[in-house]
Amino acid sequence: MLRLKILASTVPLILAAVFARSGFGTTAQPCIAIDQTAVRIATAPWQAQMRVGFTDNPAAATVRVQIVDDADAADFTVIDDIDGAVADNAEADVCHLNTSSYVAITDTPSATEPLIYLSKDGNADYRIFVKSKTFSLRDAAALIVGAHRDRNHVAAAL
């Protein structure tokens, strides 16, 4: 009987921890707005509608993302946390909506999932500029690829 009471008291704690990890927490998730839909990095595996992986081998990549040093040369620019300022625009509002698509970064993507080669070299599908305390280069690359998941880059990478 004591075992049942211990089990009954720990199950709600485990469930609360799982739900807190999957989105009820206060940590900011990297997010971008495309039209009226937000694309964000998944915090839990079951959230993701898409998974992406990264490779150091450009020949194995299906998508190439170039890191650029100039925001004007980028297709996707992330600049945030400047002097503690908070963005006050429609894109920032869209990221707070529930109409989100989630992208997970995985170490073992399947053959049908995008495999991203991230480098400073040219000949890329996307160019990104990131100056952020919230977004990593990998987050930004995963988000831009996830936002354009309908495009096929396999031929461009060959």
Protein backbone atom coordinates (compact mmCIF):
# COMPACT_ATOMS: atom_id res chain seq x y z
CA MET A 1 0.00 0.00 0.00
CA LEU A 2 2.87 2.35 0.80
CA ARG A 3 4.39 1.72 -2.64
CA LEU A 4 1.13 2.70 -4.31
CA LYS A 5 1.01 5.96 -2.33
CA ILE A 6 4.60 6.79 -3.30
CA LEU A 7 3.88 6.03 -6.94
CA ALA A 8 0.68 8.08 -6.86
CA SER A 9 2.53 11.07 -5.40
CA THR A 10 5.42 10.97 -7.89
CA VAL A 11 3.38 10.61 -11.11
CA PRO A 12 1.99 14.20 -10.95
CA LEU A 13 5.50 15.54 -10.37
CA ILE A 14 6.84 13.66 -13.39
CA LEU A 15 3.97 14.89 -15.57
CA ALA A 16 4.50 18.48 -14.41
CA ALA A 17 8.19 18.25 -15.30
CA VAL A 18 7.41 16.86 -18.78
CA PHE A 19 4.86 19.60 -19.52
CA ALA A 20 7.15 22.33 -18.19
CA ARG A 21 9.94 21.13 -20.48
CA SER A 22 7.65 21.06 -23.53
CA GLY A 23 6.58 24.67 -23.53
CA PHE A 24 5.12 25.91 -20.28
CA GLY A 25 8.50 27.16 -19.07
CA THR A 26 9.65 30.75 -19.35
CA THR A 27 12.76 30.16 -21.43
CA ALA A 28 12.75 31.79 -24.83
CA GLN A 29 12.74 29.51 -27.83
CA PRO A 30 14.42 30.74 -30.98
CA CYS A 31 11.56 31.68 -33.28
CA ILE A 32 11.03 33.37 -36.63
CA ALA A 33 7.82 34.57 -38.25
CA ILE A 34 6.90 33.63 -41.80
CA ASP A 35 3.61 35.20 -42.93
CA GLN A 36 1.23 34.44 -40.03
CA THR A 37 3.03 31.30 -38.86
CA ALA A 38 5.85 31.01 -36.38
CA VAL A 39 8.70 28.55 -36.88
CA ARG A 40 10.55 27.71 -33.69
CA ILE A 41 13.13 25.28 -32.33
CA ALA A 42 11.44 22.36 -30.59
CA THR A 43 12.26 21.77 -26.95
CA ALA A 44 10.78 18.28 -26.93
CA PRO A 45 11.10 15.55 -29.58
CA TRP A 46 7.34 15.09 -30.01
CA GLN A 47 6.82 18.78 -30.87
CA ALA A 48 8.79 18.73 -34.11
CA GLN A 49 7.09 18.48 -37.48
CA MET A 50 10.53 18.55 -39.08
CA ARG A 51 14.00 17.44 -38.09
CA VAL A 52 17.28 18.70 -39.48
CA GLY A 53 20.83 17.55 -39.01
CA PHE A 54 24.24 19.11 -39.56
CA THR A 55 27.28 17.76 -41.35
CA ASP A 56 30.90 18.80 -41.81
CA ASN A 57 30.96 17.13 -45.23
CA PRO A 58 29.70 19.46 -47.99
CA ALA A 59 29.21 16.52 -50.37
CA ALA A 60 26.76 14.88 -47.96
CA ALA A 61 24.70 18.04 -47.39
CA THR A 62 21.28 18.57 -48.92
CA VAL A 63 21.19 22.25 -47.88
CA ARG A 64 24.10 24.67 -47.67
CA VAL A 65 23.96 27.66 -45.35
CA GLN A 66 26.64 30.34 -45.52
CA ILE A 67 27.57 32.47 -42.50
CA VAL A 68 28.14 36.05 -43.66
CA ASP A 69 29.73 38.98 -41.83
CA ASP A 70 27.40 41.64 -43.25
CA ALA A 71 23.68 41.78 -42.48
CA ASP A 72 22.96 43.35 -45.88
CA ALA A 73 24.41 40.30 -47.65
CA ALA A 74 22.22 37.84 -45.73
CA ASP A 75 18.95 36.20 -46.73
CA PHE A 76 18.14 35.78 -43.04
CA THR A 77 19.38 38.16 -40.34
CA VAL A 78 19.06 37.74 -36.58
CA ILE A 79 20.03 40.70 -34.43
CA ASP A 80 18.55 40.78 -30.95
CA ASP A 81 19.25 41.67 -27.35
CA ILE A 82 20.70 45.03 -28.32
CA ASP A 83 20.87 47.16 -25.16
CA GLY A 84 18.05 45.11 -23.67
CA ALA A 85 15.59 46.36 -26.30
CA VAL A 86 12.62 44.18 -27.14
CA ALA A 87 11.36 44.00 -30.69
CA ASP A 88 8.02 45.75 -31.10
CA ASN A 89 6.73 44.58 -34.45
CA ALA A 90 4.28 42.17 -36.03
CA GLU A 91 6.90 39.44 -36.46
CA ALA A 92 7.64 39.39 -32.74
CA ASP A 93 3.88 39.11 -32.03
CA VAL A 94 3.50 36.15 -34.40
CA CYS A 95 6.09 34.19 -32.43
CA HIS A 96 3.80 34.32 -29.40
CA LEU A 97 0.88 32.73 -31.23
CA ASN A 98 -0.02 29.08 -31.02
CA THR A 99 0.27 28.62 -34.80
CA SER A 100 3.80 27.34 -34.66
CA SER A 101 5.71 24.85 -36.69
CA TYR A 102 8.54 23.19 -34.78
CA VAL A 103 11.97 22.17 -36.03
CA ALA A 104 14.22 19.80 -34.09
CA ILE A 105 17.98 19.57 -34.49
CA THR A 106 19.00 15.93 -34.44
CA ASP A 107 22.35 14.17 -34.46
CA THR A 108 21.00 11.33 -36.61
CA PRO A 109 18.67 12.65 -39.32
CA SER A 110 16.97 10.22 -41.65
CA ALA A 111 17.71 10.17 -45.38
CA THR A 112 14.55 12.21 -46.05
CA GLU A 113 15.40 15.02 -43.61
CA PRO A 114 17.54 18.04 -44.53
CA LEU A 115 21.24 17.73 -43.79
CA ILE A 116 22.77 21.19 -43.40
CA TYR A 117 26.34 22.18 -44.20
CA LEU A 118 27.10 25.38 -42.30
CA SER A 119 30.20 27.31 -43.36
CA LYS A 120 31.63 30.65 -44.43
CA ASP A 121 32.15 29.35 -47.98
CA GLY A 122 30.01 30.60 -50.86
CA ASN A 123 27.76 28.55 -53.14
CA ALA A 124 24.98 28.33 -50.56
CA ASP A 125 21.20 27.97 -50.63
CA TYR A 126 20.85 30.51 -47.80
CA ARG A 127 23.05 33.18 -46.27
CA ILE A 128 22.63 34.05 -42.58
CA PHE A 129 23.91 36.79 -40.30
CA VAL A 130 23.53 36.17 -36.57
CA LYS A 131 24.35 38.54 -33.73
CA SER A 132 22.32 37.21 -30.85
CA LYS A 133 22.29 36.07 -27.26
CA THR A 134 19.29 33.82 -27.97
CA PHE A 135 20.02 32.26 -31.38
CA SER A 136 23.03 30.13 -32.19
CA LEU A 137 24.24 29.79 -35.78
CA ARG A 138 22.82 26.28 -35.82
CA ASP A 139 19.44 27.53 -34.53
CA ALA A 140 19.27 30.18 -37.25
CA ALA A 141 20.24 27.70 -39.97
CA ALA A 142 17.68 25.15 -38.72
CA LEU A 143 14.94 27.79 -38.61
CA ILE A 144 15.56 29.12 -42.11
CA VAL A 145 15.68 25.60 -43.55
CA GLY A 146 12.57 24.65 -41.55
CA ALA A 147 10.72 27.74 -42.75
CA HIS A 148 11.44 26.78 -46.36
CA ARG A 149 10.97 23.04 -45.95
CA ASP A 150 8.93 22.76 -49.14
CA ARG A 151 11.93 23.66 -51.29
CA ASN A 152 14.13 20.84 -52.56
CA HIS A 153 17.84 21.62 -52.27
CA VAL A 154 19.24 18.18 -52.95
CA ALA A 155 20.14 19.05 -56.54
CA ALA A 156 21.70 22.36 -55.53
CA ALA A 157 24.04 20.66 -53.08
CA LEU A 158 25.46 18.20 -55.63
